[in-house]
PDB file of N, CA and C in Angstrom:
ATOM      1  N   MET A   1      -9.142 -57.432 -14.435  1.00  0.00           N
ATOM      2  CA  MET A   1      -9.255 -56.382 -13.738  1.00  0.00           C
ATOM      3  C   MET A   1      -7.947 -55.787 -13.540  1.00  0.00           C
ATOM      4  N   ALA A   2      -7.096 -56.681 -13.441  1.00  0.00           N
ATOM      5  CA  ALA A   2      -6.099 -56.386 -13.375  1.00  0.00           C
ATOM      6  C   ALA A   2      -5.537 -55.419 -14.509  1.00  0.00           C
ATOM      7  N   SER A   3      -5.905 -56.177 -15.818  1.00  0.00           N
ATOM      8  CA  SER A   3      -5.355 -55.616 -17.090  1.00  0.00           C
ATOM      9  C   SER A   3      -6.116 -54.079 -17.099  1.00  0.00           C
ATOM     10  N   SER A   4      -7.040 -54.171 -16.712  1.00  0.00           N
ATOM     11  CA  SER A   4      -7.754 -52.592 -16.702  1.00  0.00           C
ATOM     12  C   SER A   4      -6.878 -51.611 -15.534  1.00  0.00           C
ATOM     13  N   GLN A   5      -6.347 -51.980 -14.686  1.00  0.00           N
ATOM     14  CA  GLN A   5      -5.848 -51.192 -13.829  1.00  0.00           C
ATOM     15  C   GLN A   5      -4.388 -50.871 -14.446  1.00  0.00           C
ATOM     16  N   LYS A   6      -3.802 -51.566 -15.233  1.00  0.00           N
ATOM     17  CA  LYS A   6      -2.362 -51.628 -15.932  1.00  0.00           C
ATOM     18  C   LYS A   6      -2.579 -50.747 -16.962  1.00  0.00           C
ATOM     19  N   ARG A   7      -3.683 -50.738 -17.952  1.00  0.00           N
ATOM     20  CA  ARG A   7      -3.996 -49.695 -19.016  1.00  0.00           C
ATOM     21  C   ARG A   7      -4.099 -48.185 -18.226  1.00  0.00           C
ATOM     22  N   CYS A   8      -4.961 -48.138 -17.103  1.00  0.00           N
ATOM     23  CA  CYS A   8      -5.174 -46.860 -16.621  1.00  0.00           C
ATOM     24  C   CYS A   8      -3.907 -46.089 -16.003  1.00  0.00           C
ATOM     25  N   ILE A   9      -2.824 -47.148 -15.620  1.00  0.00           N
ATOM     26  CA  ILE A   9      -1.633 -46.562 -14.920  1.00  0.00           C
ATOM     27  C   ILE A   9      -0.807 -46.016 -16.079  1.00  0.00           C
ATOM     28  N   LEU A  10      -0.946 -46.967 -16.993  1.00  0.00           N
ATOM     29  CA  LEU A  10       0.016 -46.605 -18.791  1.00  0.00           C
ATOM     30  C   LEU A  10      -0.452 -45.325 -19.306  1.00  0.00           C
ATOM     31  N   LEU A  11      -1.804 -45.098 -18.800  1.00  0.00           N
ATOM     32  CA  LEU A  11      -2.597 -43.681 -19.732  1.00  0.00           C
ATOM     33  C   LEU A  11      -2.100 -42.649 -18.764  1.00  0.00           C
ATOM     34  N   LEU A  12      -2.208 -42.680 -17.347  1.00  0.00           N
ATOM     35  CA  LEU A  12      -1.686 -41.690 -16.650  1.00  0.00           C
ATOM     36  C   LEU A  12      -0.139 -41.317 -17.030  1.00  0.00           C
ATOM     37  N   ALA A  13       0.333 -42.273 -16.973  1.00  0.00           N
ATOM     38  CA  ALA A  13       1.933 -42.081 -17.031  1.00  0.00           C
ATOM     39  C   ALA A  13       2.115 -41.183 -18.517  1.00  0.00           C
ATOM     40  N   VAL A  14       1.151 -41.628 -19.585  1.00  0.00           N
ATOM     41  CA  VAL A  14       1.694 -41.038 -20.969  1.00  0.00           C
ATOM     42  C   VAL A  14       1.119 -39.516 -21.153  1.00  0.00           C
ATOM     43  N   VAL A  15       0.027 -39.512 -20.390  1.00  0.00           N
ATOM     44  CA  VAL A  15      -0.589 -37.884 -19.849  1.00  0.00           C
ATOM     45  C   VAL A  15       0.400 -37.225 -19.230  1.00  0.00           C
ATOM     46  N   ALA A  16       0.966 -37.468 -18.051  1.00  0.00           N
ATOM     47  CA  ALA A  16       2.284 -36.575 -17.132  1.00  0.00           C
ATOM     48  C   ALA A  16       2.856 -36.809 -18.324  1.00  0.00           C
ATOM     49  N   THR A  17       3.728 -37.454 -18.878  1.00  0.00           N
ATOM     50  CA  THR A  17       4.942 -36.781 -19.952  1.00  0.00           C
ATOM     51  C   THR A  17       4.377 -36.178 -20.557  1.00  0.00           C
ATOM     52  N   VAL A  18       3.428 -36.097 -21.360  1.00  0.00           N
ATOM     53  CA  VAL A  18       2.802 -35.134 -21.956  1.00  0.00           C
ATOM     54  C   VAL A  18       2.761 -33.683 -21.652  1.00  0.00           C
ATOM     55  N   CYS A  19       2.333 -33.575 -20.521  1.00  0.00           N
ATOM     56  CA  CYS A  19       2.153 -32.541 -19.386  1.00  0.00           C
ATOM     57  C   CYS A  19       3.153 -31.621 -19.230  1.00  0.00           C
ATOM     58  N   ILE A  20       4.403 -32.771 -18.567  1.00  0.00           N
ATOM     59  CA  ILE A  20       5.656 -32.349 -18.220  1.00  0.00           C
ATOM     60  C   ILE A  20       6.539 -31.770 -19.549  1.00  0.00           C
ATOM     61  N   GLN A  21       6.347 -32.393 -20.591  1.00  0.00           N
ATOM     62  CA  GLN A  21       6.685 -31.834 -21.993  1.00  0.00           C
ATOM     63  C   GLN A  21       6.289 -30.374 -22.354  1.00  0.00           C
ATOM     64  N   LEU A  22       5.116 -30.344 -22.217  1.00  0.00           N
ATOM     65  CA  LEU A  22       4.267 -28.787 -22.692  1.00  0.00           C
ATOM     66  C   LEU A  22       4.785 -27.758 -21.649  1.00  0.00           C
ATOM     67  N   HIS A  23       5.020 -28.326 -20.395  1.00  0.00           N
ATOM     68  CA  HIS A  23       5.250 -27.507 -19.268  1.00  0.00           C
ATOM     69  C   HIS A  23       6.750 -26.619 -19.302  1.00  0.00           C
ATOM     70  N   GLN A  24       7.634 -27.704 -19.711  1.00  0.00           N
ATOM     71  CA  GLN A  24       9.131 -27.225 -19.739  1.00  0.00           C
ATOM     72  C   GLN A  24       9.220 -26.399 -21.535  1.00  0.00           C
ATOM     73  N   ALA A  25       8.414 -26.397 -22.264  1.00  0.00           N
ATOM     74  CA  ALA A  25       8.681 -26.052 -23.414  1.00  0.00           C
ATOM     75  C   ALA A  25       8.552 -24.274 -23.415  1.00  0.00           C
ATOM     76  N   HIS A  26       9.700 -24.130 -23.871  1.00  0.00           N
ATOM     77  CA  HIS A  26       9.420 -22.256 -23.528  1.00  0.00           C
ATOM     78  C   HIS A  26       9.032 -21.610 -24.572  1.00  0.00           C
ATOM     79  N   ASP A  27       8.699 -22.420 -26.149  1.00  0.00           N
ATOM     80  CA  ASP A  27       8.286 -21.183 -27.173  1.00  0.00           C
ATOM     81  C   ASP A  27       7.189 -21.607 -27.188  1.00  0.00           C
ATOM     82  N   PHE A  28       5.878 -21.155 -26.670  1.00  0.00           N
ATOM     83  CA  PHE A  28       4.479 -21.764 -26.890  1.00  0.00           C
ATOM     84  C   PHE A  28       4.246 -21.317 -28.636  1.00  0.00           C
ATOM     85  N   ILE A  29       3.682 -22.225 -29.128  1.00  0.00           N
ATOM     86  CA  ILE A  29       3.270 -21.463 -30.472  1.00  0.00           C
ATOM     87  C   ILE A  29       2.200 -20.697 -30.521  1.00  0.00           C
ATOM     88  N   GLY A  30       1.925 -19.518 -30.935  1.00  0.00           N
ATOM     89  CA  GLY A  30       0.533 -18.688 -30.740  1.00  0.00           C
ATOM     90  C   GLY A  30       0.937 -17.730 -30.102  1.00  0.00           C
ATOM     91  N   ARG A  31       2.200 -17.683 -29.117  1.00  0.00           N
ATOM     92  CA  ARG A  31       2.088 -16.488 -28.361  1.00  0.00           C
ATOM     93  C   ARG A  31       3.463 -15.790 -28.282  1.00  0.00           C
ATOM     94  N   CYS A  32       3.698 -14.746 -27.651  1.00  0.00           N
ATOM     95  CA  CYS A  32       4.933 -14.136 -27.332  1.00  0.00           C
ATOM     96  C   CYS A  32       5.331 -14.868 -26.221  1.00  0.00           C
ATOM     97  N   TYR A  33       6.795 -14.657 -25.929  1.00  0.00           N
ATOM     98  CA  TYR A  33       7.247 -14.806 -24.581  1.00  0.00           C
ATOM     99  C   TYR A  33       6.955 -13.962 -23.638  1.00  0.00           C
ATOM    100  N   CYS A  34       7.665 -12.360 -24.239  1.00  0.00           N
ATOM    101  CA  CYS A  34       7.794 -10.811 -23.555  1.00  0.00           C
ATOM    102  C   CYS A  34       6.312 -10.927 -23.798  1.00  0.00           C
ATOM    103  N   LEU A  35       5.571 -10.691 -22.548  1.00  0.00           N
ATOM    104  CA  LEU A  35       4.467 -10.263 -22.617  1.00  0.00           C
ATOM    105  C   LEU A  35       4.228  -8.584 -22.151  1.00  0.00           C
ATOM    106  N   ASN A  36       5.225  -8.366 -21.169  1.00  0.00           N
ATOM    107  CA  ASN A  36       5.649  -7.024 -20.521  1.00  0.00           C
ATOM    108  C   ASN A  36       6.923  -6.742 -20.865  1.00  0.00           C
ATOM    109  N   PRO A  37       7.768  -6.279 -21.561  1.00  0.00           N
ATOM    110  CA  PRO A  37       8.699  -6.108 -21.590  1.00  0.00           C
ATOM    111  C   PRO A  37       9.166  -4.741 -20.669  1.00  0.00           C
ATOM    112  N   ILE A  38      10.527  -4.706 -20.557  1.00  0.00           N
ATOM    113  CA  ILE A  38      10.987  -3.522 -19.709  1.00  0.00           C
ATOM    114  C   ILE A  38      12.052  -2.534 -20.581  1.00  0.00           C
ATOM    115  N   MET A  39      11.821  -1.372 -20.181  1.00  0.00           N
ATOM    116  CA  MET A  39      12.049  -0.314 -21.313  1.00  0.00           C
ATOM    117  C   MET A  39      14.087  -0.180 -20.680  1.00  0.00           C
ATOM    118  N   PHE A  40      14.228  -0.142 -19.377  1.00  0.00           N
ATOM    119  CA  PHE A  40      15.589   0.447 -18.738  1.00  0.00           C
ATOM    120  C   PHE A  40      15.960  -1.156 -18.029  1.00  0.00           C
ATOM    121  N   ILE A  41      17.019  -1.681 -18.053  1.00  0.00           N
ATOM    122  CA  ILE A  41      17.755  -2.414 -17.411  1.00  0.00           C
ATOM    123  C   ILE A  41      19.245  -1.628 -16.535  1.00  0.00           C
ATOM    124  N   LYS A  42      19.510  -2.288 -15.607  1.00  0.00           N
ATOM    125  CA  LYS A  42      20.690  -1.639 -14.834  1.00  0.00           C
ATOM    126  C   LYS A  42      21.490  -2.983 -14.153  1.00  0.00           C
ATOM    127  N   GLY A  43      22.512  -3.116 -14.279  1.00  0.00           N
ATOM    128  CA  GLY A  43      23.254  -4.390 -13.651  1.00  0.00           C
ATOM    129  C   GLY A  43      23.910  -4.774 -14.720  1.00  0.00           C
ATOM    130  N   ASN A  44      24.771  -5.751 -14.331  1.00  0.00           N
ATOM    131  CA  ASN A  44      25.773  -6.765 -14.825  1.00  0.00           C
ATOM    132  C   ASN A  44      25.221  -8.031 -15.981  1.00  0.00           C
ATOM    133  N   ILE A  45      25.071  -7.628 -16.989  1.00  0.00           N
ATOM    134  CA  ILE A  45      24.316  -8.841 -18.128  1.00  0.00           C
ATOM    135  C   ILE A  45      25.291  -9.858 -18.196  1.00  0.00           C
ATOM    136  N   SER A  46      25.064 -11.318 -18.120  1.00  0.00           N
ATOM    137  CA  SER A  46      25.827 -12.223 -18.160  1.00  0.00           C
ATOM    138  C   SER A  46      25.362 -13.180 -19.727  1.00  0.00           C
ATOM    139  N   ASP A  47      23.923 -12.780 -20.070  1.00  0.00           N
ATOM    140  CA  ASP A  47      24.030 -13.594 -21.310  1.00  0.00           C
ATOM    141  C   ASP A  47      22.702 -12.883 -21.772  1.00  0.00           C
ATOM    142  N   PHE A  48      22.360 -13.272 -23.225  1.00  0.00           N
ATOM    143  CA  PHE A  48      21.105 -12.706 -23.629  1.00  0.00           C
ATOM    144  C   PHE A  48      20.526 -13.373 -24.595  1.00  0.00           C
ATOM    145  N   LYS A  49      19.413 -13.620 -25.483  1.00  0.00           N
ATOM    146  CA  LYS A  49      18.819 -14.633 -25.796  1.00  0.00           C
ATOM    147  C   LYS A  49      17.898 -13.736 -26.954  1.00  0.00           C
ATOM    148  N   VAL A  50      18.397 -13.898 -28.258  1.00  0.00           N
ATOM    149  CA  VAL A  50      17.182 -13.189 -28.915  1.00  0.00           C
ATOM    150  C   VAL A  50      16.209 -14.614 -29.481  1.00  0.00           C
ATOM    151  N   LEU A  51      15.053 -14.114 -29.676  1.00  0.00           N
ATOM    152  CA  LEU A  51      13.925 -14.631 -30.159  1.00  0.00           C
ATOM    153  C   LEU A  51      13.258 -14.125 -31.313  1.00  0.00           C
ATOM    154  N   GLU A  52      13.445 -14.538 -32.489  1.00  0.00           N
ATOM    155  CA  GLU A  52      13.077 -13.850 -33.559  1.00  0.00           C
ATOM    156  C   GLU A  52      11.736 -13.869 -33.852  1.00  0.00           C
ATOM    157  N   SER A  53      11.224 -13.467 -34.882  1.00  0.00           N
ATOM    158  CA  SER A  53       9.798 -13.396 -35.103  1.00  0.00           C
ATOM    159  C   SER A  53       9.068 -14.788 -35.437  1.00  0.00           C
ATOM    160  N   ARG A  54       8.335 -15.183 -34.815  1.00  0.00           N
ATOM    161  CA  ARG A  54       7.666 -16.836 -35.434  1.00  0.00           C
ATOM    162  C   ARG A  54       6.434 -16.781 -35.284  1.00  0.00           C
ATOM    163  N   PRO A  55       5.457 -17.543 -35.838  1.00  0.00           N
ATOM    164  CA  PRO A  55       4.406 -17.870 -35.877  1.00  0.00           C
ATOM    165  C   PRO A  55       3.396 -17.455 -34.710  1.00  0.00           C
ATOM    166  N   GLY A  56       2.665 -16.456 -34.374  1.00  0.00           N
ATOM    167  CA  GLY A  56       1.689 -16.286 -33.248  1.00  0.00           C
ATOM    168  C   GLY A  56       2.616 -15.238 -32.505  1.00  0.00           C
ATOM    169  N   CYS A  57       3.763 -14.557 -32.968  1.00  0.00           N
ATOM    170  CA  CYS A  57       4.530 -14.078 -32.553  1.00  0.00           C
ATOM    171  C   CYS A  57       5.073 -13.127 -33.485  1.00  0.00           C
ATOM    172  N   GLU A  58       4.560 -11.910 -34.108  1.00  0.00           N
ATOM    173  CA  GLU A  58       5.207 -10.650 -35.217  1.00  0.00           C
ATOM    174  C   GLU A  58       6.625 -10.433 -34.569  1.00  0.00           C
ATOM    175  N   LYS A  59       6.726  -9.994 -33.418  1.00  0.00           N
ATOM    176  CA  LYS A  59       7.987  -8.959 -32.534  1.00  0.00           C
ATOM    177  C   LYS A  59       9.405 -10.100 -32.532  1.00  0.00           C
ATOM    178  N   THR A  60      10.267  -9.529 -33.151  1.00  0.00           N
ATOM    179  CA  THR A  60      11.502  -9.906 -32.465  1.00  0.00           C
ATOM    180  C   THR A  60      11.470  -9.839 -30.541  1.00  0.00           C
ATOM    181  N   GLU A  61      12.296 -10.627 -29.711  1.00  0.00           N
ATOM    182  CA  GLU A  61      11.930 -10.395 -28.266  1.00  0.00           C
ATOM    183  C   GLU A  61      13.107 -10.380 -28.060  1.00  0.00           C
ATOM    184  N   LEU A  62      13.667  -9.616 -26.886  1.00  0.00           N
ATOM    185  CA  LEU A  62      15.623  -9.873 -26.492  1.00  0.00           C
ATOM    186  C   LEU A  62      15.024 -10.365 -24.835  1.00  0.00           C
ATOM    187  N   ILE A  63      15.678 -11.254 -24.606  1.00  0.00           N
ATOM    188  CA  ILE A  63      15.734 -11.705 -23.220  1.00  0.00           C
ATOM    189  C   ILE A  63      17.335 -11.784 -22.508  1.00  0.00           C
ATOM    190  N   VAL A  64      17.702 -11.289 -21.348  1.00  0.00           N
ATOM    191  CA  VAL A  64      18.867 -10.952 -20.880  1.00  0.00           C
ATOM    192  C   VAL A  64      18.664 -11.318 -19.687  1.00  0.00           C
ATOM    193  N   THR A  65      20.064 -11.950 -19.224  1.00  0.00           N
ATOM    194  CA  THR A  65      20.144 -12.698 -17.850  1.00  0.00           C
ATOM    195  C   THR A  65      21.088 -11.433 -17.026  1.00  0.00           C
ATOM    196  N   LEU A  66      20.658 -11.205 -16.161  1.00  0.00           N
ATOM    197  CA  LEU A  66      21.474 -10.244 -14.858  1.00  0.00           C
ATOM    198  C   LEU A  66      21.836 -10.933 -14.031  1.00  0.00           C
ATOM    199  N   ASN A  67      23.671 -10.594 -13.785  1.00  0.00           N
ATOM    200  CA  ASN A  67      23.912 -11.136 -12.301  1.00  0.00           C
ATOM    201  C   ASN A  67      23.348 -10.409 -10.933  1.00  0.00           C
ATOM    202  N   LYS A  68      22.823 -11.135 -10.172  1.00  0.00           N
ATOM    203  CA  LYS A  68      22.478 -10.151  -8.922  1.00  0.00           C
ATOM    204  C   LYS A  68      23.685 -10.085  -8.042  1.00  0.00           C
ATOM    205  N   PRO A  69      23.539  -8.893  -7.044  1.00  0.00           N
ATOM    206  CA  PRO A  69      24.743  -8.819  -5.888  1.00  0.00           C
ATOM    207  C   PRO A  69      24.975 -10.480  -5.043  1.00  0.00           C
ATOM    208  N   ASN A  70      23.786 -10.602  -5.209  1.00  0.00           N
ATOM    209  CA  ASN A  70      23.382 -11.989  -3.826  1.00  0.00           C
ATOM    210  C   ASN A  70      23.975 -13.320  -5.167  1.00  0.00           C
ATOM    211  N   ASN A  71      24.878 -13.406  -5.962  1.00  0.00           N
ATOM    212  CA  ASN A  71      25.005 -14.292  -7.173  1.00  0.00           C
ATOM    213  C   ASN A  71      24.223 -15.013  -7.737  1.00  0.00           C
ATOM    214  N   SER A  72      22.464 -14.493  -7.226  1.00  0.00           N
ATOM    215  CA  SER A  72      21.804 -15.228  -8.364  1.00  0.00           C
ATOM    216  C   SER A  72      21.704 -14.695  -9.953  1.00  0.00           C
ATOM    217  N   THR A  73      20.656 -14.880 -10.561  1.00  0.00           N
ATOM    218  CA  THR A  73      20.621 -14.472 -11.590  1.00  0.00           C
ATOM    219  C   THR A  73      18.835 -14.225 -11.958  1.00  0.00           C
ATOM    220  N   GLU A  74      18.637 -13.356 -12.766  1.00  0.00           N
ATOM    221  CA  GLU A  74      17.402 -12.904 -13.215  1.00  0.00           C
ATOM    222  C   GLU A  74      17.310 -12.911 -14.753  1.00  0.00           C
ATOM    223  N   LYS A  75      16.163 -13.373 -15.032  1.00  0.00           N
ATOM    224  CA  LYS A  75      15.969 -13.021 -16.459  1.00  0.00           C
ATOM    225  C   LYS A  75      15.022 -12.094 -16.745  1.00  0.00           C
ATOM    226  N   LEU A  76      15.442 -11.024 -17.811  1.00  0.00           N
ATOM    227  CA  LEU A  76      14.770 -10.008 -18.137  1.00  0.00           C
ATOM    228  C   LEU A  76      13.983  -9.707 -19.674  1.00  0.00           C
ATOM    229  N   CYS A  77      12.640  -9.983 -19.918  1.00  0.00           N
ATOM    230  CA  CYS A  77      12.481  -9.079 -21.255  1.00  0.00           C
ATOM    231  C   CYS A  77      12.900  -7.690 -21.425  1.00  0.00           C
ATOM    232  N   ILE A  78      13.311  -7.281 -22.523  1.00  0.00           N
ATOM    233  CA  ILE A  78      13.865  -5.904 -22.833  1.00  0.00           C
ATOM    234  C   ILE A  78      13.349  -5.512 -23.852  1.00  0.00           C
ATOM    235  N   ASN A  79      12.652  -4.354 -23.863  1.00  0.00           N
ATOM    236  CA  ASN A  79      11.926  -3.551 -25.036  1.00  0.00           C
ATOM    237  C   ASN A  79      12.682  -3.620 -25.875  1.00  0.00           C
ATOM    238  N   THR A  80      12.434  -4.078 -27.352  1.00  0.00           N
ATOM    239  CA  THR A  80      13.283  -3.692 -28.358  1.00  0.00           C
ATOM    240  C   THR A  80      13.331  -2.360 -29.166  1.00  0.00           C
ATOM    241  N   GLU A  81      12.431  -1.700 -28.590  1.00  0.00           N
ATOM    242  CA  GLU A  81      12.680  -0.060 -29.411  1.00  0.00           C
ATOM    243  C   GLU A  81      13.677   0.727 -28.239  1.00  0.00           C
ATOM    244  N   GLY A  82      14.067   0.252 -27.370  1.00  0.00           N
ATOM    245  CA  GLY A  82      15.049   0.887 -26.303  1.00  0.00           C
ATOM    246  C   GLY A  82      16.471   1.089 -27.109  1.00  0.00           C
ATOM    247  N   LYS A  83      17.083   2.315 -26.748  1.00  0.00           N
ATOM    248  CA  LYS A  83      18.641   2.066 -27.310  1.00  0.00           C
ATOM    249  C   LYS A  83      19.534   0.957 -26.610  1.00  0.00           C
ATOM    250  N   ARG A  84      19.608   0.269 -25.785  1.00  0.00           N
ATOM    251  CA  ARG A  84      20.539  -0.488 -25.014  1.00  0.00           C
ATOM    252  C   ARG A  84      20.090  -1.830 -26.039  1.00  0.00           C
ATOM    253  N   ALA A  85      18.845  -2.171 -26.332  1.00  0.00           N
ATOM    254  CA  ALA A  85      18.349  -3.686 -27.055  1.00  0.00           C
ATOM    255  C   ALA A  85      18.897  -3.347 -28.701  1.00  0.00           C
ATOM    256  N   LYS A  86      18.343  -1.951 -29.031  1.00  0.00           N
ATOM    257  CA  LYS A  86      18.551  -2.124 -30.297  1.00  0.00           C
ATOM    258  C   LYS A  86      20.368  -2.242 -30.642  1.00  0.00           C
ATOM    259  N   ALA A  87      21.164  -1.638 -29.592  1.00  0.00           N
ATOM    260  CA  ALA A  87      22.582  -2.177 -29.987  1.00  0.00           C
ATOM    261  C   ALA A  87      22.775  -3.719 -29.673  1.00  0.00           C
ATOM    262  N   PHE A  88      22.257  -4.383 -28.860  1.00  0.00           N
ATOM    263  CA  PHE A  88      22.534  -5.744 -28.665  1.00  0.00           C
ATOM    264  C   PHE A  88      22.169  -6.237 -30.107  1.00  0.00           C
ATOM    265  N   LEU A  89      20.561  -5.976 -30.720  1.00  0.00           N
ATOM    266  CA  LEU A  89      20.327  -6.811 -31.734  1.00  0.00           C
ATOM    267  C   LEU A  89      21.227  -6.267 -33.092  1.00  0.00           C
ATOM    268  N   ARG A  90      21.877  -5.027 -32.959  1.00  0.00           N
ATOM    269  CA  ARG A  90      22.446  -4.832 -33.872  1.00  0.00           C
ATOM    270  C   ARG A  90      23.963  -5.465 -33.704  1.00  0.00           C
ATOM    271  N   CYS A  91      24.336  -5.477 -32.620  1.00  0.00           N
ATOM    272  CA  CYS A  91      25.517  -6.576 -32.685  1.00  0.00           C
ATOM    273  C   CYS A  91      25.282  -8.173 -32.924  1.00  0.00           C
ATOM    274  N   TRP A  92      24.127  -8.467 -32.351  1.00  0.00           N
ATOM    275  CA  TRP A  92      23.426  -9.879 -32.862  1.00  0.00           C
ATOM    276  C   TRP A  92      23.461 -10.179 -34.119  1.00  0.00           C
ATOM    277  N   GLU A  93      23.093  -9.214 -34.930  1.00  0.00           N
ATOM    278  CA  GLU A  93      23.227  -9.252 -36.539  1.00  0.00           C
ATOM    279  C   GLU A  93      24.555  -9.375 -37.218  1.00  0.00           C
ATOM    280  N   LYS A  94      25.590  -8.281 -36.298  1.00  0.00           N
ATOM    281  CA  LYS A  94      27.104  -8.020 -36.709  1.00  0.00           C
ATOM    282  C   LYS A  94      27.885  -9.665 -36.666  1.00  0.00           C
ATOM    283  N   ILE A  95      27.333 -10.064 -35.558  1.00  0.00           N
ATOM    284  CA  ILE A  95      28.069 -11.615 -35.479  1.00  0.00           C
ATOM    285  C   ILE A  95      27.212 -12.646 -36.204  1.00  0.00           C
ATOM    286  N   ASN A  96      26.350 -12.289 -37.103  1.00  0.00           N
ATOM    287  CA  ASN A  96      25.979 -13.744 -37.722  1.00  0.00           C
ATOM    288  C   ASN A  96      25.051 -14.118 -36.886  1.00  0.00           C
ATOM    289  N   LYS A  97      24.796 -13.798 -35.545  1.00  0.00           N
ATOM    290  CA  LYS A  97      23.915 -14.943 -34.731  1.00  0.00           C
ATOM    291  C   LYS A  97      24.733 -15.817 -34.312  1.00  0.00           C
ATOM    292  N   ASP A  98      26.124 -15.629 -34.190  1.00  0.00           N
ATOM    293  CA  ASP A  98      26.676 -16.575 -33.989  1.00  0.00           C
ATOM    294  C   ASP A  98      26.878 -16.614 -32.183  1.00  0.00           C
ATOM    295  N   GLN A  99      26.191 -17.930 -31.523  1.00  0.00           N
ATOM    296  CA  GLN A  99      26.089 -17.898 -30.225  1.00  0.00           C
ATOM    297  C   GLN A  99      27.421 -18.013 -29.516  1.00  0.00           C
ATOM    298  N   SER A 100      28.377 -18.849 -30.051  1.00  0.00           N
ATOM    299  CA  SER A 100      29.572 -18.824 -29.899  1.00  0.00           C
ATOM    300  C   SER A 100      30.572 -17.102 -29.566  1.00  0.00           C
ATOM    301  N   ARG A 101      29.828 -16.207 -30.081  1.00  0.00           N
ATOM    302  CA  ARG A 101      30.196 -14.743 -30.292  1.00  0.00           C
ATOM    303  C   ARG A 101      28.968 -13.944 -29.239  1.00  0.00           C
ATOM    304  N   LYS A 102      28.423 -14.767 -28.723  1.00  0.00           N
ATOM    305  CA  LYS A 102      27.591 -13.562 -27.978  1.00  0.00           C
ATOM    306  C   LYS A 102      28.512 -12.460 -26.779  1.00  0.00           C
ATOM    307  N   MET A 103      29.229 -13.179 -26.186  1.00  0.00           N
ATOM    308  CA  MET A 103      29.870 -12.082 -25.489  1.00  0.00           C
ATOM    309  C   MET A 103      30.757 -11.085 -25.954  1.00  0.00           C
ATOM    310  N   GLU A 104      30.965 -10.811 -27.095  1.00  0.00           N
ATOM    311  CA  GLU A 104      31.149  -9.824 -27.890  1.00  0.00           C
ATOM    312  C   GLU A 104      30.528  -8.764 -27.818  1.00  0.00           C
ATOM    313  N   CYS A 105      29.154  -9.001 -27.786  1.00  0.00           N
ATOM    314  CA  CYS A 105      27.962  -8.207 -27.481  1.00  0.00           C
ATOM    315  C   CYS A 105      28.228  -7.504 -26.204  1.00  0.00           C
ATOM    316  N   ILE A 106      28.186  -8.462 -25.291  1.00  0.00           N
ATOM    317  CA  ILE A 106      28.151  -8.321 -23.783  1.00  0.00           C
ATOM    318  C   ILE A 106      29.106  -7.445 -23.014  1.00  0.00           C
ATOM    319  N   ASP A 107      30.330  -7.625 -24.091  1.00  0.00           N
ATOM    320  CA  ASP A 107      31.811  -7.256 -23.470  1.00  0.00           C
ATOM    321  C   ASP A 107      31.552  -5.821 -23.924  1.00  0.00           C
ATOM    322  N   ARG A 108      31.184  -5.605 -25.172  1.00  0.00           N
ATOM    323  CA  ARG A 108      30.818  -4.396 -25.777  1.00  0.00           C
ATOM    324  C   ARG A 108      29.976  -3.046 -24.940  1.00  0.00           C
ATOM    325  N   LYS A 109      28.775  -3.692 -24.452  1.00  0.00           N
ATOM    326  CA  LYS A 109      28.296  -3.012 -23.726  1.00  0.00           C
ATOM    327  C   LYS A 109      28.517  -2.416 -22.342  1.00  0.00           C
ATOM    328  N   LYS A 110      29.592  -3.524 -21.936  1.00  0.00           N
ATOM    329  CA  LYS A 110      30.247  -3.349 -20.393  1.00  0.00           C
ATOM    330  C   LYS A 110      31.217  -1.940 -20.601  1.00  0.00           C
ATOM    331  N   LYS A 111      32.263  -2.494 -21.922  1.00  0.00           N
ATOM    332  CA  LYS A 111      32.876  -0.870 -22.220  1.00  0.00           C
ATOM    333  C   LYS A 111      32.370   0.393 -22.440  1.00  0.00           C
ATOM    334  N   ALA A 112      31.294   0.680 -23.118  1.00  0.00           N
ATOM    335  CA  ALA A 112      30.440   1.784 -23.381  1.00  0.00           C
ATOM    336  C   ALA A 112      29.988   2.253 -22.267  1.00  0.00           C
ATOM    337  N   GLU A 113      29.844   1.605 -20.993  1.00  0.00           N
ATOM    338  CA  GLU A 113      28.616   1.878 -19.694  1.00  0.00           C
ATOM    339  C   GLU A 113      30.051   2.896 -18.866  1.00  0.00           C
TER     340      GLU A 113
END
């Protein structure tokens, strides 16, 4: 009986670990991350992430991080057909998708405002 209890506990631990890993995964295969992107944003952008098209999501997605007045942050999906989003994507291509140079794109947008 003790042996079957140990197996049950081990199985539950494995299932829990798999569930946690799946929950923490951001790029779900077979679907887009940005289901309802917004067209306009207003605020201080501190970071952005470009998700290239991939299996299950045919479009490029843009996620920006906004600094809020209360020192919190908010991540928003931006419609890539908008003027500001297109500028970010052009800059992203211009810097050859170099993560270490992302601030160049953010600073460029701050100067333009």
